[in-house]
Amino acid sequence: MSPRGQTDALRGSLDLLILKTLSLAPMHGWGISQRIQQISEGVLEVNQGSLYPALQRLEKDGLITSRWGTTANNRRARYYELTAAGRRALGEELATWRRFAAGLEAVLRTS
């Protein structure tokens, strides 16, 4: 996928990726971006300029909370965690994404 295509596709799914990643464990912003890149085997890269505004928006919406903590490198970092509302939103977002992906696949299968 071209860098532009990847950016466009990622823009629409960033909240879902963040919520899903935080469902695995609380983590700091850099850890979230690294986990997404690792799980996607390098296909998805979340830049910090997109990640932190999304984290602020999700926190404002009550889907995640944050607290200050210390990283493995002994640095201070803000750790993010899903709220109950965030878990519900994740379930809804996953269902919507799966419907969208199934519809897209159906169109792409046609000859």
PDB file of N, CA and C in Angstrom:
ATOM      1  N   MET A   1       0.853  -1.175   0.000  1.00  0.00           N
ATOM      2  CA  MET A   1       0.000   0.000   0.000  1.00  0.00           C
ATOM      3  C   MET A   1       0.898   1.236   0.000  1.00  0.00           C
ATOM      4  N   SER A   2       0.548   2.208  -0.784  1.00  0.00           N
ATOM      5  CA  SER A   2       1.342   3.431  -0.843  1.00  0.00           C
ATOM      6  C   SER A   2       1.248   4.167   0.495  1.00  0.00           C
ATOM      7  N   PRO A   3       2.238   5.013   0.814  1.00  0.00           N
ATOM      8  CA  PRO A   3       2.160   5.766   2.077  1.00  0.00           C
ATOM      9  C   PRO A   3       0.875   6.577   2.194  1.00  0.00           C
ATOM     10  N   ARG A   4       0.437   7.177   1.087  1.00  0.00           N
ATOM     11  CA  ARG A   4      -0.801   7.964   1.131  1.00  0.00           C
ATOM     12  C   ARG A   4      -1.991   7.065   1.407  1.00  0.00           C
ATOM     13  N   GLY A   5      -2.064   5.908   0.747  1.00  0.00           N
ATOM     14  CA  GLY A   5      -3.157   4.966   0.965  1.00  0.00           C
ATOM     15  C   GLY A   5      -3.182   4.453   2.390  1.00  0.00           C
ATOM     16  N   GLN A   6      -2.006   4.177   2.922  1.00  0.00           N
ATOM     17  CA  GLN A   6      -1.914   3.714   4.301  1.00  0.00           C
ATOM     18  C   GLN A   6      -2.409   4.795   5.247  1.00  0.00           C
ATOM     19  N   THR A   7      -2.025   6.035   5.012  1.00  0.00           N
ATOM     20  CA  THR A   7      -2.439   7.142   5.869  1.00  0.00           C
ATOM     21  C   THR A   7      -3.945   7.321   5.814  1.00  0.00           C
ATOM     22  N   ASP A   8      -4.531   7.271   4.615  1.00  0.00           N
ATOM     23  CA  ASP A   8      -5.977   7.432   4.478  1.00  0.00           C
ATOM     24  C   ASP A   8      -6.728   6.312   5.184  1.00  0.00           C
ATOM     25  N   ALA A   9      -6.266   5.078   5.011  1.00  0.00           N
ATOM     26  CA  ALA A   9      -6.927   3.940   5.649  1.00  0.00           C
ATOM     27  C   ALA A   9      -6.776   4.007   7.159  1.00  0.00           C
ATOM     28  N   LEU A  10      -5.621   4.394   7.627  1.00  0.00           N
ATOM     29  CA  LEU A  10      -5.362   4.459   9.056  1.00  0.00           C
ATOM     30  C   LEU A  10      -6.184   5.547   9.727  1.00  0.00           C
ATOM     31  N   ARG A  11      -6.360   6.673   9.042  1.00  0.00           N
ATOM     32  CA  ARG A  11      -7.083   7.800   9.625  1.00  0.00           C
ATOM     33  C   ARG A  11      -8.475   7.375  10.094  1.00  0.00           C
ATOM     34  N   GLY A  12      -9.153   6.574   9.312  1.00  0.00           N
ATOM     35  CA  GLY A  12     -10.516   6.150   9.647  1.00  0.00           C
ATOM     36  C   GLY A  12     -10.586   5.068  10.700  1.00  0.00           C
ATOM     37  N   SER A  13      -9.478   4.452  11.029  1.00  0.00           N
ATOM     38  CA  SER A  13      -9.506   3.344  11.974  1.00  0.00           C
ATOM     39  C   SER A  13      -8.603   3.552  13.188  1.00  0.00           C
ATOM     40  N   LEU A  14      -8.042   4.725  13.348  1.00  0.00           N
ATOM     41  CA  LEU A  14      -7.096   4.972  14.434  1.00  0.00           C
ATOM     42  C   LEU A  14      -7.724   4.756  15.811  1.00  0.00           C
ATOM     43  N   ASP A  15      -8.932   5.266  16.028  1.00  0.00           N
ATOM     44  CA  ASP A  15      -9.570   5.074  17.328  1.00  0.00           C
ATOM     45  C   ASP A  15      -9.741   3.594  17.627  1.00  0.00           C
ATOM     46  N   LEU A  16     -10.187   2.828  16.635  1.00  0.00           N
ATOM     47  CA  LEU A  16     -10.356   1.382  16.810  1.00  0.00           C
ATOM     48  C   LEU A  16      -9.028   0.720  17.152  1.00  0.00           C
ATOM     49  N   LEU A  17      -7.968   1.085  16.454  1.00  0.00           N
ATOM     50  CA  LEU A  17      -6.650   0.502  16.724  1.00  0.00           C
ATOM     51  C   LEU A  17      -6.174   0.826  18.141  1.00  0.00           C
ATOM     52  N   ILE A  18      -6.383   2.045  18.582  1.00  0.00           N
ATOM     53  CA  ILE A  18      -5.978   2.439  19.927  1.00  0.00           C
ATOM     54  C   ILE A  18      -6.788   1.680  20.966  1.00  0.00           C
ATOM     55  N   LEU A  19      -8.106   1.653  20.807  1.00  0.00           N
ATOM     56  CA  LEU A  19      -8.952   0.955  21.779  1.00  0.00           C
ATOM     57  C   LEU A  19      -8.595  -0.525  21.846  1.00  0.00           C
ATOM     58  N   LYS A  20      -8.398  -1.148  20.696  1.00  0.00           N
ATOM     59  CA  LYS A  20      -8.050  -2.573  20.680  1.00  0.00           C
ATOM     60  C   LYS A  20      -6.704  -2.799  21.356  1.00  0.00           C
ATOM     61  N   THR A  21      -5.737  -1.955  21.072  1.00  0.00           N
ATOM     62  CA  THR A  21      -4.409  -2.098  21.678  1.00  0.00           C
ATOM     63  C   THR A  21      -4.489  -1.934  23.186  1.00  0.00           C
ATOM     64  N   LEU A  22      -5.269  -0.978  23.652  1.00  0.00           N
ATOM     65  CA  LEU A  22      -5.401  -0.770  25.096  1.00  0.00           C
ATOM     66  C   LEU A  22      -6.228  -1.855  25.766  1.00  0.00           C
ATOM     67  N   SER A  23      -7.000  -2.625  24.993  1.00  0.00           N
ATOM     68  CA  SER A  23      -7.741  -3.740  25.587  1.00  0.00           C
ATOM     69  C   SER A  23      -6.787  -4.859  26.000  1.00  0.00           C
ATOM     70  N   LEU A  24      -5.579  -4.855  25.432  1.00  0.00           N
ATOM     71  CA  LEU A  24      -4.579  -5.866  25.761  1.00  0.00           C
ATOM     72  C   LEU A  24      -3.898  -5.550  27.088  1.00  0.00           C
ATOM     73  N   ALA A  25      -3.608  -4.268  27.317  1.00  0.00           N
ATOM     74  CA  ALA A  25      -2.945  -3.818  28.548  1.00  0.00           C
ATOM     75  C   ALA A  25      -2.846  -2.304  28.522  1.00  0.00           C
ATOM     76  N   PRO A  26      -2.821  -1.664  29.701  1.00  0.00           N
ATOM     77  CA  PRO A  26      -2.565  -0.220  29.740  1.00  0.00           C
ATOM     78  C   PRO A  26      -1.154   0.045  29.211  1.00  0.00           C
ATOM     79  N   MET A  27      -0.967   1.128  28.499  1.00  0.00           N
ATOM     80  CA  MET A  27       0.371   1.464  28.004  1.00  0.00           C
ATOM     81  C   MET A  27       0.477   2.935  27.677  1.00  0.00           C
ATOM     82  N   HIS A  28       1.716   3.392  27.514  1.00  0.00           N
ATOM     83  CA  HIS A  28       1.961   4.789  27.170  1.00  0.00           C
ATOM     84  C   HIS A  28       1.886   4.952  25.655  1.00  0.00           C
ATOM     85  N   GLY A  29       1.841   6.199  25.207  1.00  0.00           N
ATOM     86  CA  GLY A  29       1.634   6.495  23.794  1.00  0.00           C
ATOM     87  C   GLY A  29       2.630   5.831  22.867  1.00  0.00           C
ATOM     88  N   TRP A  30       3.916   5.949  23.186  1.00  0.00           N
ATOM     89  CA  TRP A  30       4.923   5.341  22.317  1.00  0.00           C
ATOM     90  C   TRP A  30       4.730   3.833  22.274  1.00  0.00           C
ATOM     91  N   GLY A  31       4.375   3.238  23.412  1.00  0.00           N
ATOM     92  CA  GLY A  31       4.120   1.802  23.464  1.00  0.00           C
ATOM     93  C   GLY A  31       2.940   1.402  22.593  1.00  0.00           C
ATOM     94  N   ILE A  32       1.904   2.246  22.559  1.00  0.00           N
ATOM     95  CA  ILE A  32       0.742   1.971  21.709  1.00  0.00           C
ATOM     96  C   ILE A  32       1.169   1.927  20.246  1.00  0.00           C
ATOM     97  N   SER A  33       1.913   2.941  19.816  1.00  0.00           N
ATOM     98  CA  SER A  33       2.328   2.986  18.405  1.00  0.00           C
ATOM     99  C   SER A  33       3.237   1.805  18.074  1.00  0.00           C
ATOM    100  N   GLN A  34       4.120   1.432  18.990  1.00  0.00           N
ATOM    101  CA  GLN A  34       5.015   0.300  18.751  1.00  0.00           C
ATOM    102  C   GLN A  34       4.246  -1.014  18.702  1.00  0.00           C
ATOM    103  N   ARG A  35       3.258  -1.184  19.583  1.00  0.00           N
ATOM    104  CA  ARG A  35       2.466  -2.418  19.603  1.00  0.00           C
ATOM    105  C   ARG A  35       1.671  -2.572  18.314  1.00  0.00           C
ATOM    106  N   ILE A  36       1.079  -1.480  17.831  1.00  0.00           N
ATOM    107  CA  ILE A  36       0.326  -1.539  16.568  1.00  0.00           C
ATOM    108  C   ILE A  36       1.253  -1.938  15.424  1.00  0.00           C
ATOM    109  N   GLN A  37       2.426  -1.325  15.377  1.00  0.00           N
ATOM    110  CA  GLN A  37       3.389  -1.660  14.325  1.00  0.00           C
ATOM    111  C   GLN A  37       3.844  -3.114  14.443  1.00  0.00           C
ATOM    112  N   GLN A  38       4.088  -3.577  15.651  1.00  0.00           N
ATOM    113  CA  GLN A  38       4.547  -4.944  15.878  1.00  0.00           C
ATOM    114  C   GLN A  38       3.479  -5.963  15.486  1.00  0.00           C
ATOM    115  N   ILE A  39       2.254  -5.771  15.954  1.00  0.00           N
ATOM    116  CA  ILE A  39       1.184  -6.727  15.664  1.00  0.00           C
ATOM    117  C   ILE A  39       0.867  -6.758  14.172  1.00  0.00           C
ATOM    118  N   SER A  40       0.941  -5.598  13.517  1.00  0.00           N
ATOM    119  CA  SER A  40       0.638  -5.536  12.079  1.00  0.00           C
ATOM    120  C   SER A  40       1.840  -5.928  11.221  1.00  0.00           C
ATOM    121  N   GLU A  41       2.912  -6.361  11.867  1.00  0.00           N
ATOM    122  CA  GLU A  41       4.145  -6.750  11.175  1.00  0.00           C
ATOM    123  C   GLU A  41       4.676  -5.617  10.300  1.00  0.00           C
ATOM    124  N   GLY A  42       4.587  -4.400  10.823  1.00  0.00           N
ATOM    125  CA  GLY A  42       5.150  -3.234  10.153  1.00  0.00           C
ATOM    126  C   GLY A  42       4.255  -2.609   9.092  1.00  0.00           C
ATOM    127  N   VAL A  43       3.079  -3.173   8.861  1.00  0.00           N
ATOM    128  CA  VAL A  43       2.190  -2.622   7.839  1.00  0.00           C
ATOM    129  C   VAL A  43       1.593  -1.293   8.297  1.00  0.00           C
ATOM    130  N   LEU A  44       1.262  -1.203   9.573  1.00  0.00           N
ATOM    131  CA  LEU A  44       0.643   0.009  10.110  1.00  0.00           C
ATOM    132  C   LEU A  44       1.638   0.762  10.978  1.00  0.00           C
ATOM    133  N   GLU A  45       1.810   2.030  10.678  1.00  0.00           N
ATOM    134  CA  GLU A  45       2.665   2.906  11.481  1.00  0.00           C
ATOM    135  C   GLU A  45       1.833   4.105  11.898  1.00  0.00           C
ATOM    136  N   VAL A  46       1.766   4.340  13.186  1.00  0.00           N
ATOM    137  CA  VAL A  46       1.000   5.461  13.723  1.00  0.00           C
ATOM    138  C   VAL A  46       1.978   6.552  14.109  1.00  0.00           C
ATOM    139  N   ASN A  47       1.871   7.699  13.449  1.00  0.00           N
ATOM    140  CA  ASN A  47       2.793   8.780  13.804  1.00  0.00           C
ATOM    141  C   ASN A  47       2.274   9.520  15.035  1.00  0.00           C
ATOM    142  N   GLN A  48       3.197  10.097  15.763  1.00  0.00           N
ATOM    143  CA  GLN A  48       2.878  10.761  17.022  1.00  0.00           C
ATOM    144  C   GLN A  48       1.934  11.944  16.825  1.00  0.00           C
ATOM    145  N   GLY A  49       2.024  12.597  15.671  1.00  0.00           N
ATOM    146  CA  GLY A  49       1.160  13.734  15.383  1.00  0.00           C
ATOM    147  C   GLY A  49      -0.298  13.358  15.232  1.00  0.00           C
ATOM    148  N   SER A  50      -0.580  12.101  14.946  1.00  0.00           N
ATOM    149  CA  SER A  50      -1.956  11.604  14.881  1.00  0.00           C
ATOM    150  C   SER A  50      -2.357  10.934  16.188  1.00  0.00           C
ATOM    151  N   LEU A  51      -1.407  10.230  16.794  1.00  0.00           N
ATOM    152  CA  LEU A  51      -1.705   9.438  17.982  1.00  0.00           C
ATOM    153  C   LEU A  51      -2.136  10.290  19.173  1.00  0.00           C
ATOM    154  N   TYR A  52      -1.364  11.301  19.523  1.00  0.00           N
ATOM    155  CA  TYR A  52      -1.651  12.043  20.745  1.00  0.00           C
ATOM    156  C   TYR A  52      -2.952  12.845  20.684  1.00  0.00           C
ATOM    157  N   PRO A  53      -3.289  13.480  19.561  1.00  0.00           N
ATOM    158  CA  PRO A  53      -4.616  14.110  19.498  1.00  0.00           C
ATOM    159  C   PRO A  53      -5.748  13.078  19.628  1.00  0.00           C
ATOM    160  N   ALA A  54      -5.554  11.881  19.060  1.00  0.00           N
ATOM    161  CA  ALA A  54      -6.573  10.837  19.185  1.00  0.00           C
ATOM    162  C   ALA A  54      -6.704  10.393  20.637  1.00  0.00           C
ATOM    163  N   LEU A  55      -5.573  10.239  21.336  1.00  0.00           N
ATOM    164  CA  LEU A  55      -5.619   9.858  22.750  1.00  0.00           C
ATOM    165  C   LEU A  55      -6.341  10.929  23.572  1.00  0.00           C
ATOM    166  N   GLN A  56      -6.060  12.191  23.298  1.00  0.00           N
ATOM    167  CA  GLN A  56      -6.730  13.285  24.021  1.00  0.00           C
ATOM    168  C   GLN A  56      -8.230  13.269  23.754  1.00  0.00           C
ATOM    169  N   ARG A  57      -8.606  13.028  22.496  1.00  0.00           N
ATOM    170  CA  ARG A  57     -10.025  12.982  22.131  1.00  0.00           C
ATOM    171  C   ARG A  57     -10.726  11.810  22.820  1.00  0.00           C
ATOM    172  N   LEU A  58     -10.090  10.642  22.816  1.00  0.00           N
ATOM    173  CA  LEU A  58     -10.684   9.469  23.449  1.00  0.00           C
ATOM    174  C   LEU A  58     -10.826   9.664  24.958  1.00  0.00           C
ATOM    175  N   GLU A  59      -9.846  10.341  25.552  1.00  0.00           N
ATOM    176  CA  GLU A  59      -9.929  10.611  26.987  1.00  0.00           C
ATOM    177  C   GLU A  59     -11.044  11.609  27.275  1.00  0.00           C
ATOM    178  N   LYS A  60     -11.142  12.644  26.463  1.00  0.00           N
ATOM    179  CA  LYS A  60     -12.206  13.643  26.622  1.00  0.00           C
ATOM    180  C   LYS A  60     -13.589  12.991  26.492  1.00  0.00           C
ATOM    181  N   ASP A  61     -13.693  12.005  25.594  1.00  0.00           N
ATOM    182  CA  ASP A  61     -14.962  11.302  25.379  1.00  0.00           C
ATOM    183  C   ASP A  61     -15.245  10.246  26.448  1.00  0.00           C
ATOM    184  N   GLY A  62     -14.311  10.049  27.385  1.00  0.00           N
ATOM    185  CA  GLY A  62     -14.529   9.102  28.469  1.00  0.00           C
ATOM    186  C   GLY A  62     -14.274   7.648  28.109  1.00  0.00           C
ATOM    187  N   LEU A  63     -13.605   7.420  26.976  1.00  0.00           N
ATOM    188  CA  LEU A  63     -13.360   6.049  26.546  1.00  0.00           C
ATOM    189  C   LEU A  63     -12.055   5.486  27.109  1.00  0.00           C
ATOM    190  N   ILE A  64     -11.144   6.379  27.498  1.00  0.00           N
ATOM    191  CA  ILE A  64      -9.899   5.968  28.141  1.00  0.00           C
ATOM    192  C   ILE A  64      -9.615   6.927  29.294  1.00  0.00           C
ATOM    193  N   THR A  65      -8.780   6.480  30.210  1.00  0.00           N
ATOM    194  CA  THR A  65      -8.279   7.339  31.280  1.00  0.00           C
ATOM    195  C   THR A  65      -6.764   7.314  31.200  1.00  0.00           C
ATOM    196  N   SER A  66      -6.127   8.240  31.892  1.00  0.00           N
ATOM    197  CA  SER A  66      -4.672   8.250  31.895  1.00  0.00           C
ATOM    198  C   SER A  66      -4.156   8.557  33.292  1.00  0.00           C
ATOM    199  N   ARG A  67      -2.938   8.138  33.521  1.00  0.00           N
ATOM    200  CA  ARG A  67      -2.245   8.411  34.777  1.00  0.00           C
ATOM    201  C   ARG A  67      -0.753   8.464  34.473  1.00  0.00           C
ATOM    202  N   TRP A  68      -0.018   9.165  35.298  1.00  0.00           N
ATOM    203  CA  TRP A  68       1.420   9.233  35.122  1.00  0.00           C
ATOM    204  C   TRP A  68       2.063   8.008  35.747  1.00  0.00           C
ATOM    205  N   GLY A  69       3.086   7.489  35.074  1.00  0.00           N
ATOM    206  CA  GLY A  69       3.820   6.345  35.587  1.00  0.00           C
ATOM    207  C   GLY A  69       5.257   6.397  35.109  1.00  0.00           C
ATOM    208  N   THR A  70       5.991   5.336  35.391  1.00  0.00           N
ATOM    209  CA  THR A  70       7.401   5.246  35.018  1.00  0.00           C
ATOM    210  C   THR A  70       7.584   4.097  34.040  1.00  0.00           C
ATOM    211  N   THR A  71       8.306   4.347  32.960  1.00  0.00           N
ATOM    212  CA  THR A  71       8.546   3.321  31.946  1.00  0.00           C
ATOM    213  C   THR A  71       9.648   2.372  32.403  1.00  0.00           C
ATOM    214  N   ALA A  72       9.872   1.326  31.612  1.00  0.00           N
ATOM    215  CA  ALA A  72      10.951   0.377  31.886  1.00  0.00           C
ATOM    216  C   ALA A  72      12.317   1.067  31.836  1.00  0.00           C
ATOM    217  N   ASN A  73      12.399   2.178  31.089  1.00  0.00           N
ATOM    218  CA  ASN A  73      13.648   2.950  30.994  1.00  0.00           C
ATOM    219  C   ASN A  73      13.749   4.013  32.086  1.00  0.00           C
ATOM    220  N   ASN A  74      12.861   3.923  33.078  1.00  0.00           N
ATOM    221  CA  ASN A  74      12.856   4.858  34.202  1.00  0.00           C
ATOM    222  C   ASN A  74      12.544   6.298  33.776  1.00  0.00           C
ATOM    223  N   ARG A  75      11.669   6.423  32.787  1.00  0.00           N
ATOM    224  CA  ARG A  75      11.218   7.744  32.343  1.00  0.00           C
ATOM    225  C   ARG A  75       9.761   7.920  32.733  1.00  0.00           C
ATOM    226  N   ARG A  76       9.395   9.157  32.951  1.00  0.00           N
ATOM    227  CA  ARG A  76       8.011   9.475  33.279  1.00  0.00           C
ATOM    228  C   ARG A  76       7.180   9.483  31.997  1.00  0.00           C
ATOM    229  N   ALA A  77       6.018   8.834  32.042  1.00  0.00           N
ATOM    230  CA  ALA A  77       5.149   8.780  30.858  1.00  0.00           C
ATOM    231  C   ALA A  77       3.694   8.678  31.304  1.00  0.00           C
ATOM    232  N   ARG A  78       2.812   9.138  30.436  1.00  0.00           N
ATOM    233  CA  ARG A  78       1.375   9.020  30.696  1.00  0.00           C
ATOM    234  C   ARG A  78       0.909   7.664  30.168  1.00  0.00           C
ATOM    235  N   TYR A  79       0.312   6.876  31.049  1.00  0.00           N
ATOM    236  CA  TYR A  79      -0.221   5.568  30.690  1.00  0.00           C
ATOM    237  C   TYR A  79      -1.720   5.669  30.482  1.00  0.00           C
ATOM    238  N   TYR A  80      -2.205   5.015  29.429  1.00  0.00           N
ATOM    239  CA  TYR A  80      -3.617   5.067  29.062  1.00  0.00           C
ATOM    240  C   TYR A  80      -4.252   3.703  29.300  1.00  0.00           C
ATOM    241  N   GLU A  81      -5.542   3.741  29.663  1.00  0.00           N
ATOM    242  CA  GLU A  81      -6.268   2.516  29.977  1.00  0.00           C
ATOM    243  C   GLU A  81      -7.720   2.674  29.533  1.00  0.00           C
ATOM    244  N   LEU A  82      -8.332   1.579  29.089  1.00  0.00           N
ATOM    245  CA  LEU A  82      -9.740   1.615  28.689  1.00  0.00           C
ATOM    246  C   LEU A  82     -10.649   1.799  29.895  1.00  0.00           C
ATOM    247  N   THR A  83     -11.734   2.509  29.697  1.00  0.00           N
ATOM    248  CA  THR A  83     -12.801   2.593  30.693  1.00  0.00           C
ATOM    249  C   THR A  83     -13.874   1.580  30.295  1.00  0.00           C
ATOM    250  N   ALA A  84     -14.891   1.422  31.128  1.00  0.00           N
ATOM    251  CA  ALA A  84     -16.014   0.540  30.777  1.00  0.00           C
ATOM    252  C   ALA A  84     -16.686   1.036  29.490  1.00  0.00           C
ATOM    253  N   ALA A  85     -16.836   2.350  29.380  1.00  0.00           N
ATOM    254  CA  ALA A  85     -17.418   2.929  28.154  1.00  0.00           C
ATOM    255  C   ALA A  85     -16.522   2.638  26.955  1.00  0.00           C
ATOM    256  N   GLY A  86     -15.221   2.649  27.164  1.00  0.00           N
ATOM    257  CA  GLY A  86     -14.278   2.340  26.098  1.00  0.00           C
ATOM    258  C   GLY A  86     -14.404   0.891  25.631  1.00  0.00           C
ATOM    259  N   ARG A  87     -14.626  -0.012  26.568  1.00  0.00           N
ATOM    260  CA  ARG A  87     -14.818  -1.432  26.198  1.00  0.00           C
ATOM    261  C   ARG A  87     -16.087  -1.605  25.371  1.00  0.00           C
ATOM    262  N   ARG A  88     -17.151  -0.906  25.770  1.00  0.00           N
ATOM    263  CA  ARG A  88     -18.393  -0.970  24.988  1.00  0.00           C
ATOM    264  C   ARG A  88     -18.184  -0.382  23.598  1.00  0.00           C
ATOM    265  N   ALA A  89     -17.506   0.763  23.541  1.00  0.00           N
ATOM    266  CA  ALA A  89     -17.239   1.408  22.248  1.00  0.00           C
ATOM    267  C   ALA A  89     -16.381   0.505  21.364  1.00  0.00           C
ATOM    268  N   LEU A  90     -15.416  -0.180  21.956  1.00  0.00           N
ATOM    269  CA  LEU A  90     -14.580  -1.107  21.190  1.00  0.00           C
ATOM    270  C   LEU A  90     -15.436  -2.192  20.562  1.00  0.00           C
ATOM    271  N   GLY A  91     -16.358  -2.763  21.328  1.00  0.00           N
ATOM    272  CA  GLY A  91     -17.248  -3.795  20.775  1.00  0.00           C
ATOM    273  C   GLY A  91     -18.069  -3.269  19.609  1.00  0.00           C
ATOM    274  N   GLU A  92     -18.594  -2.058  19.750  1.00  0.00           N
ATOM    275  CA  GLU A  92     -19.393  -1.456  18.684  1.00  0.00           C
ATOM    276  C   GLU A  92     -18.534  -1.155  17.457  1.00  0.00           C
ATOM    277  N   GLU A  93     -17.342  -0.603  17.683  1.00  0.00           N
ATOM    278  CA  GLU A  93     -16.434  -0.272  16.571  1.00  0.00           C
ATOM    279  C   GLU A  93     -16.002  -1.536  15.829  1.00  0.00           C
ATOM    280  N   LEU A  94     -15.728  -2.612  16.579  1.00  0.00           N
ATOM    281  CA  LEU A  94     -15.326  -3.873  15.941  1.00  0.00           C
ATOM    282  C   LEU A  94     -16.449  -4.410  15.063  1.00  0.00           C
ATOM    283  N   ALA A  95     -17.677  -4.374  15.570  1.00  0.00           N
ATOM    284  CA  ALA A  95     -18.819  -4.858  14.788  1.00  0.00           C
ATOM    285  C   ALA A  95     -18.988  -4.032  13.516  1.00  0.00           C
ATOM    286  N   THR A  96     -18.857  -2.712  13.635  1.00  0.00           N
ATOM    287  CA  THR A  96     -18.977  -1.839  12.470  1.00  0.00           C
ATOM    288  C   THR A  96     -17.863  -2.117  11.471  1.00  0.00           C
ATOM    289  N   TRP A  97     -16.638  -2.253  11.960  1.00  0.00           N
ATOM    290  CA  TRP A  97     -15.498  -2.517  11.079  1.00  0.00           C
ATOM    291  C   TRP A  97     -15.671  -3.849  10.355  1.00  0.00           C
ATOM    292  N   ARG A  98     -16.117  -4.870  11.066  1.00  0.00           N
ATOM    293  CA  ARG A  98     -16.297  -6.198  10.442  1.00  0.00           C
ATOM    294  C   ARG A  98     -17.382  -6.162   9.362  1.00  0.00           C
ATOM    295  N   ARG A  99     -18.471  -5.420   9.609  1.00  0.00           N
ATOM    296  CA  ARG A  99     -19.507  -5.267   8.578  1.00  0.00           C
ATOM    297  C   ARG A  99     -18.930  -4.560   7.358  1.00  0.00           C
ATOM    298  N   PHE A 100     -18.171  -3.486   7.582  1.00  0.00           N
ATOM    299  CA  PHE A 100     -17.548  -2.742   6.495  1.00  0.00           C
ATOM    300  C   PHE A 100     -16.586  -3.636   5.711  1.00  0.00           C
ATOM    301  N   ALA A 101     -15.722  -4.370   6.410  1.00  0.00           N
ATOM    302  CA  ALA A 101     -14.739  -5.230   5.751  1.00  0.00           C
ATOM    303  C   ALA A 101     -15.435  -6.330   4.953  1.00  0.00           C
ATOM    304  N   ALA A 102     -16.514  -6.899   5.484  1.00  0.00           N
ATOM    305  CA  ALA A 102     -17.258  -7.932   4.759  1.00  0.00           C
ATOM    306  C   ALA A 102     -17.887  -7.350   3.489  1.00  0.00           C
ATOM    307  N   GLY A 103     -18.446  -6.151   3.587  1.00  0.00           N
ATOM    308  CA  GLY A 103     -19.020  -5.506   2.406  1.00  0.00           C
ATOM    309  C   GLY A 103     -17.973  -5.187   1.367  1.00  0.00           C
ATOM    310  N   LEU A 104     -16.846  -4.676   1.818  1.00  0.00           N
ATOM    311  CA  LEU A 104     -15.743  -4.369   0.897  1.00  0.00           C
ATOM    312  C   LEU A 104     -15.257  -5.637   0.220  1.00  0.00           C
ATOM    313  N   GLU A 105     -15.083  -6.694   0.979  1.00  0.00           N
ATOM    314  CA  GLU A 105     -14.624  -7.968   0.405  1.00  0.00           C
ATOM    315  C   GLU A 105     -15.629  -8.510  -0.609  1.00  0.00           C
ATOM    316  N   ALA A 106     -16.919  -8.367  -0.319  1.00  0.00           N
ATOM    317  CA  ALA A 106     -17.939  -8.823  -1.262  1.00  0.00           C
ATOM    318  C   ALA A 106     -17.843  -8.089  -2.592  1.00  0.00           C
ATOM    319  N   VAL A 107     -17.611  -6.786  -2.524  1.00  0.00           N
ATOM    320  CA  VAL A 107     -17.475  -6.005  -3.752  1.00  0.00           C
ATOM    321  C   VAL A 107     -16.200  -6.410  -4.505  1.00  0.00           C
ATOM    322  N   LEU A 108     -15.110  -6.595  -3.802  1.00  0.00           N
ATOM    323  CA  LEU A 108     -13.850  -6.954  -4.442  1.00  0.00           C
ATOM    324  C   LEU A 108     -13.857  -8.352  -5.050  1.00  0.00           C
ATOM    325  N   ARG A 109     -14.694  -9.244  -4.533  1.00  0.00           N
ATOM    326  CA  ARG A 109     -14.796 -10.611  -5.060  1.00  0.00           C
ATOM    327  C   ARG A 109     -15.549 -10.673  -6.383  1.00  0.00           C
ATOM    328  N   THR A 110     -16.362  -9.677  -6.678  1.00  0.00           N
ATOM    329  CA  THR A 110     -17.188  -9.732  -7.886  1.00  0.00           C
ATOM    330  C   THR A 110     -16.322  -9.667  -9.138  1.00  0.00           C
ATOM    331  N   SER A 111     -16.823 -10.326 -10.157  1.00  0.00           N
ATOM    332  CA  SER A 111     -16.069 -10.301 -11.421  1.00  0.00           C
ATOM    333  C   SER A 111     -16.901  -9.724 -12.540  1.00  0.00           C
TER     334      SER A 111
END
